[in-house]
Amino acid sequence: MGIENRAPTVFLLSPASLTGVRAGQLTSPRAGFEAAVRYRSAEGVPIADAFSFMSSLYFRGKMAYARRFATPPPALAAGTEDDGILVIAPGVGLVPPDWRLTRERLATLRTPVDLKNPDYCEPLSAHARQLREVMPEPARVVLLGSVATGKYLDLLAPVFGDRLLFPRDFAGAGDMQRGAMMLRAAREGRELDYVTLDAPRRRARS
């Protein structure tokens, strides 16, 4: 089926880790590369650029794949390459890839991703409900992120039900494997198979 004939598809991208070495490089006051300079500016750096630097291959793969295969419903179609893509931003909810990350906003993004933490749960649940309201019935939501735990799924599944999908090949794959998988699929124009949450989400033990 051609991409133009598919049901509207929105991608939700899980966030990058804010505790790694590359996160420290981005936020260093001495860093001179473009993303770091933009991060320190009043305008900030697009969250997609910041997360792509922080997590390298994995988030770059998510962005390339989502840009290749997103088919947004009319309410999310603004005529940009990032239509139909939303990033999970802890403490904020769901934001577009061009949402600007500043030092002040980074402090909010350090909100613990914990299902017992209302500062994390409430914004994400509220934005998920808002997204559901603007999506026509055939539309689907594909999570590009961890499906092995409930840190995202336990909040998203009650909102989207069987319309929430994930790539079948994500089950049991590590972050680098997923990133390479998505970059290759985007380059080849070959969309991955999606499954509902009823499918196995961990690699079966031999």
C-alpha atoms as a PDB file:
ATOM      1  CA  MET A   1       0.000   0.000   0.000  1.00  0.00           C
ATOM      2  CA  GLY A   2       1.390   3.399  -0.946  1.00  0.00           C
ATOM      3  CA  ILE A   3       1.984   5.889   1.827  1.00  0.00           C
ATOM      4  CA  GLU A   4      -0.666   8.197   0.388  1.00  0.00           C
ATOM      5  CA  ASN A   5      -3.288   5.438   0.804  1.00  0.00           C
ATOM      6  CA  ARG A   6      -2.493   4.595   4.422  1.00  0.00           C
ATOM      7  CA  ALA A   7      -4.538   5.511   7.428  1.00  0.00           C
ATOM      8  CA  PRO A   8      -3.313   8.752   9.032  1.00  0.00           C
ATOM      9  CA  THR A   9      -0.259   7.891  11.119  1.00  0.00           C
ATOM     10  CA  VAL A  10       1.214   9.952  13.937  1.00  0.00           C
ATOM     11  CA  PHE A  11       4.540   9.051  15.513  1.00  0.00           C
ATOM     12  CA  LEU A  12       5.354   9.583  19.184  1.00  0.00           C
ATOM     13  CA  LEU A  13       9.087   9.665  19.889  1.00  0.00           C
ATOM     14  CA  SER A  14      10.473   8.821  23.314  1.00  0.00           C
ATOM     15  CA  PRO A  15      12.953  11.323  24.787  1.00  0.00           C
ATOM     16  CA  ALA A  16      16.719  11.106  24.882  1.00  0.00           C
ATOM     17  CA  SER A  17      18.552  10.528  28.138  1.00  0.00           C
ATOM     18  CA  LEU A  18      19.559  13.755  29.844  1.00  0.00           C
ATOM     19  CA  THR A  19      22.232  12.112  32.008  1.00  0.00           C
ATOM     20  CA  GLY A  20      24.753  10.884  29.431  1.00  0.00           C
ATOM     21  CA  VAL A  21      28.101  12.289  28.363  1.00  0.00           C
ATOM     22  CA  ARG A  22      26.663  13.921  25.249  1.00  0.00           C
ATOM     23  CA  ALA A  23      23.995  15.694  27.294  1.00  0.00           C
ATOM     24  CA  GLY A  24      26.802  17.172  29.366  1.00  0.00           C
ATOM     25  CA  GLN A  25      28.590  18.261  26.208  1.00  0.00           C
ATOM     26  CA  LEU A  26      25.499  19.984  24.866  1.00  0.00           C
ATOM     27  CA  THR A  27      24.915  21.917  28.084  1.00  0.00           C
ATOM     28  CA  SER A  28      28.551  22.819  28.719  1.00  0.00           C
ATOM     29  CA  PRO A  29      29.015  26.604  28.890  1.00  0.00           C
ATOM     30  CA  ARG A  30      32.299  26.161  27.002  1.00  0.00           C
ATOM     31  CA  ALA A  31      30.927  24.138  24.079  1.00  0.00           C
ATOM     32  CA  GLY A  32      31.329  25.871  20.741  1.00  0.00           C
ATOM     33  CA  PHE A  33      29.407  23.629  18.352  1.00  0.00           C
ATOM     34  CA  GLU A  34      26.190  24.944  16.836  1.00  0.00           C
ATOM     35  CA  ALA A  35      23.610  22.998  18.853  1.00  0.00           C
ATOM     36  CA  ALA A  36      25.263  23.982  22.142  1.00  0.00           C
ATOM     37  CA  VAL A  37      25.475  27.640  21.162  1.00  0.00           C
ATOM     38  CA  ARG A  38      21.812  27.642  20.168  1.00  0.00           C
ATOM     39  CA  TYR A  39      20.899  25.892  23.433  1.00  0.00           C
ATOM     40  CA  ARG A  40      22.486  28.736  25.410  1.00  0.00           C
ATOM     41  CA  SER A  41      20.726  31.405  23.345  1.00  0.00           C
ATOM     42  CA  ALA A  42      17.458  33.041  24.360  1.00  0.00           C
ATOM     43  CA  GLU A  43      15.703  31.279  21.473  1.00  0.00           C
ATOM     44  CA  GLY A  44      17.009  27.821  22.324  1.00  0.00           C
ATOM     45  CA  VAL A  45      17.656  24.790  20.131  1.00  0.00           C
ATOM     46  CA  PRO A  46      14.917  22.611  18.562  1.00  0.00           C
ATOM     47  CA  ILE A  47      14.344  19.629  20.814  1.00  0.00           C
ATOM     48  CA  ALA A  48      14.811  17.258  17.870  1.00  0.00           C
ATOM     49  CA  ASP A  49      18.293  18.658  17.238  1.00  0.00           C
ATOM     50  CA  ALA A  50      19.173  18.496  20.935  1.00  0.00           C
ATOM     51  CA  PHE A  51      17.934  14.933  21.355  1.00  0.00           C
ATOM     52  CA  SER A  52      19.587  13.827  18.115  1.00  0.00           C
ATOM     53  CA  PHE A  53      22.905  15.021  19.505  1.00  0.00           C
ATOM     54  CA  MET A  54      22.335  13.531  22.962  1.00  0.00           C
ATOM     55  CA  SER A  55      21.335  10.059  21.826  1.00  0.00           C
ATOM     56  CA  SER A  56      23.097  10.053  18.465  1.00  0.00           C
ATOM     57  CA  LEU A  57      22.032   7.101  16.312  1.00  0.00           C
ATOM     58  CA  TYR A  58      18.816   6.167  18.137  1.00  0.00           C
ATOM     59  CA  PHE A  59      17.022   9.506  18.026  1.00  0.00           C
ATOM     60  CA  ARG A  60      18.385  10.344  14.579  1.00  0.00           C
ATOM     61  CA  GLY A  61      16.852   7.077  13.420  1.00  0.00           C
ATOM     62  CA  LYS A  62      13.523   7.942  14.987  1.00  0.00           C
ATOM     63  CA  MET A  63      13.425  11.356  13.333  1.00  0.00           C
ATOM     64  CA  ALA A  64      14.470  10.084   9.902  1.00  0.00           C
ATOM     65  CA  TYR A  65      11.925   7.284  10.038  1.00  0.00           C
ATOM     66  CA  ALA A  66       9.050   9.448  11.294  1.00  0.00           C
ATOM     67  CA  ARG A  67       9.753  12.121   8.689  1.00  0.00           C
ATOM     68  CA  ARG A  68       9.690   9.475   5.971  1.00  0.00           C
ATOM     69  CA  PHE A  69       6.462   7.755   6.985  1.00  0.00           C
ATOM     70  CA  ALA A  70       4.265  10.170   8.977  1.00  0.00           C
ATOM     71  CA  THR A  71       0.890  10.846   7.348  1.00  0.00           C
ATOM     72  CA  PRO A  72      -0.745  13.343   9.691  1.00  0.00           C
ATOM     73  CA  PRO A  73      -4.465  13.980   9.949  1.00  0.00           C
ATOM     74  CA  PRO A  74      -5.568  17.447   8.775  1.00  0.00           C
ATOM     75  CA  ALA A  75      -5.419  18.924  12.278  1.00  0.00           C
ATOM     76  CA  LEU A  76      -1.691  18.159  12.453  1.00  0.00           C
ATOM     77  CA  ALA A  77      -0.782  19.069   8.867  1.00  0.00           C
ATOM     78  CA  ALA A  78       0.988  22.417   8.689  1.00  0.00           C
ATOM     79  CA  GLY A  79       3.022  21.746   5.559  1.00  0.00           C
ATOM     80  CA  THR A  80       6.361  21.001   7.257  1.00  0.00           C
ATOM     81  CA  GLU A  81       8.542  17.891   7.236  1.00  0.00           C
ATOM     82  CA  ASP A  82       7.733  17.362  10.909  1.00  0.00           C
ATOM     83  CA  ASP A  83       3.949  17.159  10.564  1.00  0.00           C
ATOM     84  CA  GLY A  84       2.599  14.135  12.396  1.00  0.00           C
ATOM     85  CA  ILE A  85       5.597  13.866  14.742  1.00  0.00           C
ATOM     86  CA  LEU A  86       5.449  14.555  18.472  1.00  0.00           C
ATOM     87  CA  VAL A  87       8.193  14.127  21.063  1.00  0.00           C
ATOM     88  CA  ILE A  88       7.520  12.952  24.611  1.00  0.00           C
ATOM     89  CA  ALA A  89       8.885  15.710  26.852  1.00  0.00           C
ATOM     90  CA  PRO A  90       8.799  14.746  30.559  1.00  0.00           C
ATOM     91  CA  GLY A  91       7.080  17.398  32.637  1.00  0.00           C
ATOM     92  CA  VAL A  92       5.633  19.069  29.529  1.00  0.00           C
ATOM     93  CA  GLY A  93       3.732  16.362  27.656  1.00  0.00           C
ATOM     94  CA  LEU A  94       3.944  16.096  23.852  1.00  0.00           C
ATOM     95  CA  VAL A  95       5.809  18.735  21.847  1.00  0.00           C
ATOM     96  CA  PRO A  96       6.631  19.171  18.133  1.00  0.00           C
ATOM     97  CA  PRO A  97      10.220  18.568  16.999  1.00  0.00           C
ATOM     98  CA  ASP A  98      10.844  22.307  16.604  1.00  0.00           C
ATOM     99  CA  TRP A  99       9.888  23.048  20.244  1.00  0.00           C
ATOM    100  CA  ARG A 100      12.793  25.096  21.573  1.00  0.00           C
ATOM    101  CA  LEU A 101      14.891  23.675  24.367  1.00  0.00           C
ATOM    102  CA  THR A 102      16.435  26.268  26.681  1.00  0.00           C
ATOM    103  CA  ARG A 103      18.214  25.984  30.001  1.00  0.00           C
ATOM    104  CA  GLU A 104      14.978  26.757  31.798  1.00  0.00           C
ATOM    105  CA  ARG A 105      13.025  24.148  29.869  1.00  0.00           C
ATOM    106  CA  LEU A 106      15.743  21.562  30.358  1.00  0.00           C
ATOM    107  CA  ALA A 107      15.153  21.814  34.097  1.00  0.00           C
ATOM    108  CA  THR A 108      11.528  20.825  33.486  1.00  0.00           C
ATOM    109  CA  LEU A 109      12.552  17.936  31.223  1.00  0.00           C
ATOM    110  CA  ARG A 110      14.504  16.487  34.124  1.00  0.00           C
ATOM    111  CA  THR A 111      11.143  15.573  35.677  1.00  0.00           C
ATOM    112  CA  PRO A 112      11.477  11.906  36.758  1.00  0.00           C
ATOM    113  CA  VAL A 113       9.799   9.501  34.337  1.00  0.00           C
ATOM    114  CA  ASP A 114       7.875   7.677  37.035  1.00  0.00           C
ATOM    115  CA  LEU A 115       4.273   6.512  36.891  1.00  0.00           C
ATOM    116  CA  LYS A 116       3.868   7.634  40.500  1.00  0.00           C
ATOM    117  CA  ASN A 117       4.930  11.175  39.626  1.00  0.00           C
ATOM    118  CA  PRO A 118       1.975  13.416  38.667  1.00  0.00           C
ATOM    119  CA  ASP A 119       4.322  16.036  37.219  1.00  0.00           C
ATOM    120  CA  TYR A 120       5.246  13.468  34.570  1.00  0.00           C
ATOM    121  CA  CYS A 121       1.946  11.637  34.168  1.00  0.00           C
ATOM    122  CA  GLU A 122      -0.593  14.447  34.037  1.00  0.00           C
ATOM    123  CA  PRO A 123       0.840  16.540  31.146  1.00  0.00           C
ATOM    124  CA  LEU A 124       1.475  13.476  28.984  1.00  0.00           C
ATOM    125  CA  SER A 125      -1.990  12.043  29.606  1.00  0.00           C
ATOM    126  CA  ALA A 126      -3.637  15.410  28.939  1.00  0.00           C
ATOM    127  CA  HIS A 127      -1.791  15.938  25.649  1.00  0.00           C
ATOM    128  CA  ALA A 128      -2.546  12.360  24.581  1.00  0.00           C
ATOM    129  CA  ARG A 129      -6.255  13.015  25.099  1.00  0.00           C
ATOM    130  CA  GLN A 130      -6.008  16.234  23.102  1.00  0.00           C
ATOM    131  CA  LEU A 131      -4.307  14.336  20.297  1.00  0.00           C
ATOM    132  CA  ARG A 132      -6.994  11.672  20.291  1.00  0.00           C
ATOM    133  CA  GLU A 133      -9.681  14.335  19.907  1.00  0.00           C
ATOM    134  CA  VAL A 134      -8.240  15.610  16.607  1.00  0.00           C
ATOM    135  CA  MET A 135      -7.547  12.207  15.088  1.00  0.00           C
ATOM    136  CA  PRO A 136     -10.146  10.656  12.765  1.00  0.00           C
ATOM    137  CA  GLU A 137     -11.248   7.121  13.558  1.00  0.00           C
ATOM    138  CA  PRO A 138      -8.900   5.229  11.171  1.00  0.00           C
ATOM    139  CA  ALA A 139      -5.838   7.129  12.403  1.00  0.00           C
ATOM    140  CA  ARG A 140      -3.159   5.306  14.324  1.00  0.00           C
ATOM    141  CA  VAL A 141      -0.433   6.280  16.759  1.00  0.00           C
ATOM    142  CA  VAL A 142       2.956   4.571  16.529  1.00  0.00           C
ATOM    143  CA  LEU A 143       5.306   4.727  19.503  1.00  0.00           C
ATOM    144  CA  LEU A 144       8.987   4.859  18.591  1.00  0.00           C
ATOM    145  CA  GLY A 145      10.460   4.134  21.986  1.00  0.00           C
ATOM    146  CA  SER A 146      10.700   1.590  24.759  1.00  0.00           C
ATOM    147  CA  VAL A 147       7.821  -0.888  24.904  1.00  0.00           C
ATOM    148  CA  ALA A 148       9.363  -3.262  27.453  1.00  0.00           C
ATOM    149  CA  THR A 149       8.038  -1.301  30.443  1.00  0.00           C
ATOM    150  CA  GLY A 150       4.950   0.735  31.198  1.00  0.00           C
ATOM    151  CA  LYS A 151       6.642   4.122  31.541  1.00  0.00           C
ATOM    152  CA  TYR A 152       4.996   5.314  28.317  1.00  0.00           C
ATOM    153  CA  LEU A 153       2.492   2.600  27.493  1.00  0.00           C
ATOM    154  CA  ASP A 154       0.626   2.713  30.786  1.00  0.00           C
ATOM    155  CA  LEU A 155      -0.279   6.334  30.072  1.00  0.00           C
ATOM    156  CA  LEU A 156      -0.844   6.100  26.327  1.00  0.00           C
ATOM    157  CA  ALA A 157      -2.703   2.790  26.039  1.00  0.00           C
ATOM    158  CA  PRO A 158      -5.777   3.868  28.073  1.00  0.00           C
ATOM    159  CA  VAL A 159      -6.149   6.862  25.733  1.00  0.00           C
ATOM    160  CA  PHE A 160      -5.563   5.241  22.330  1.00  0.00           C
ATOM    161  CA  GLY A 161      -6.430   1.590  22.925  1.00  0.00           C
ATOM    162  CA  ASP A 162      -5.804  -0.635  19.891  1.00  0.00           C
ATOM    163  CA  ARG A 163      -4.871   2.392  17.808  1.00  0.00           C
ATOM    164  CA  LEU A 164      -1.555   2.515  19.690  1.00  0.00           C
ATOM    165  CA  LEU A 165       1.048   0.450  17.838  1.00  0.00           C
ATOM    166  CA  PHE A 166       4.784  -0.198  17.890  1.00  0.00           C
ATOM    167  CA  PRO A 167       7.226  -1.684  15.346  1.00  0.00           C
ATOM    168  CA  ARG A 168       7.269  -5.473  15.672  1.00  0.00           C
ATOM    169  CA  ASP A 169      11.051  -5.607  15.322  1.00  0.00           C
ATOM    170  CA  PHE A 170      11.515  -3.350  18.361  1.00  0.00           C
ATOM    171  CA  ALA A 171      10.777  -6.277  20.691  1.00  0.00           C
ATOM    172  CA  GLY A 172      14.052  -7.320  22.286  1.00  0.00           C
ATOM    173  CA  ALA A 173      16.206  -4.929  20.223  1.00  0.00           C
ATOM    174  CA  GLY A 174      18.629  -2.491  21.829  1.00  0.00           C
ATOM    175  CA  ASP A 175      18.673   1.242  21.201  1.00  0.00           C
ATOM    176  CA  MET A 176      21.503   1.111  18.656  1.00  0.00           C
ATOM    177  CA  GLN A 177      19.809  -1.733  16.790  1.00  0.00           C
ATOM    178  CA  ARG A 178      16.562   0.217  16.646  1.00  0.00           C
ATOM    179  CA  GLY A 179      18.310   3.360  15.451  1.00  0.00           C
ATOM    180  CA  ALA A 180      20.111   1.526  12.648  1.00  0.00           C
ATOM    181  CA  MET A 181      16.910  -0.320  11.752  1.00  0.00           C
ATOM    182  CA  MET A 182      14.948   2.901  11.366  1.00  0.00           C
ATOM    183  CA  LEU A 183      17.661   4.708   9.413  1.00  0.00           C
ATOM    184  CA  ARG A 184      17.874   1.808   6.991  1.00  0.00           C
ATOM    185  CA  ALA A 185      14.085   1.586   6.623  1.00  0.00           C
ATOM    186  CA  ALA A 186      13.826   5.336   5.981  1.00  0.00           C
ATOM    187  CA  ARG A 187      16.610   5.211   3.403  1.00  0.00           C
ATOM    188  CA  GLU A 188      15.026   2.255   1.597  1.00  0.00           C
ATOM    189  CA  GLY A 189      11.470   3.587   1.844  1.00  0.00           C
ATOM    190  CA  ARG A 190      10.426   0.365   3.553  1.00  0.00           C
ATOM    191  CA  GLU A 191       7.993   0.844   6.404  1.00  0.00           C
ATOM    192  CA  LEU A 192       8.279  -1.522   9.356  1.00  0.00           C
ATOM    193  CA  ASP A 193       5.440  -3.789  10.444  1.00  0.00           C
ATOM    194  CA  TYR A 194       3.421  -2.478  13.372  1.00  0.00           C
ATOM    195  CA  VAL A 195       1.628  -4.511  16.020  1.00  0.00           C
ATOM    196  CA  THR A 196      -0.673  -3.798  18.936  1.00  0.00           C
ATOM    197  CA  LEU A 197       0.365  -4.095  22.542  1.00  0.00           C
ATOM    198  CA  ASP A 198      -0.971  -7.655  22.594  1.00  0.00           C
ATOM    199  CA  ALA A 199       2.119  -8.749  20.655  1.00  0.00           C
ATOM    200  CA  PRO A 200       5.281  -9.852  22.535  1.00  0.00           C
ATOM    201  CA  ARG A 201       7.279  -6.840  23.666  1.00  0.00           C
ATOM    202  CA  ARG A 202      10.354  -8.687  24.897  1.00  0.00           C
ATOM    203  CA  ARG A 203      12.657 -11.097  23.119  1.00  0.00           C
ATOM    204  CA  ALA A 204      11.691 -14.682  23.813  1.00  0.00           C
ATOM    205  CA  ARG A 205      14.299 -16.622  25.791  1.00  0.00           C
ATOM    206  CA  SER A 206      15.862 -19.576  24.019  1.00  0.00           C
END
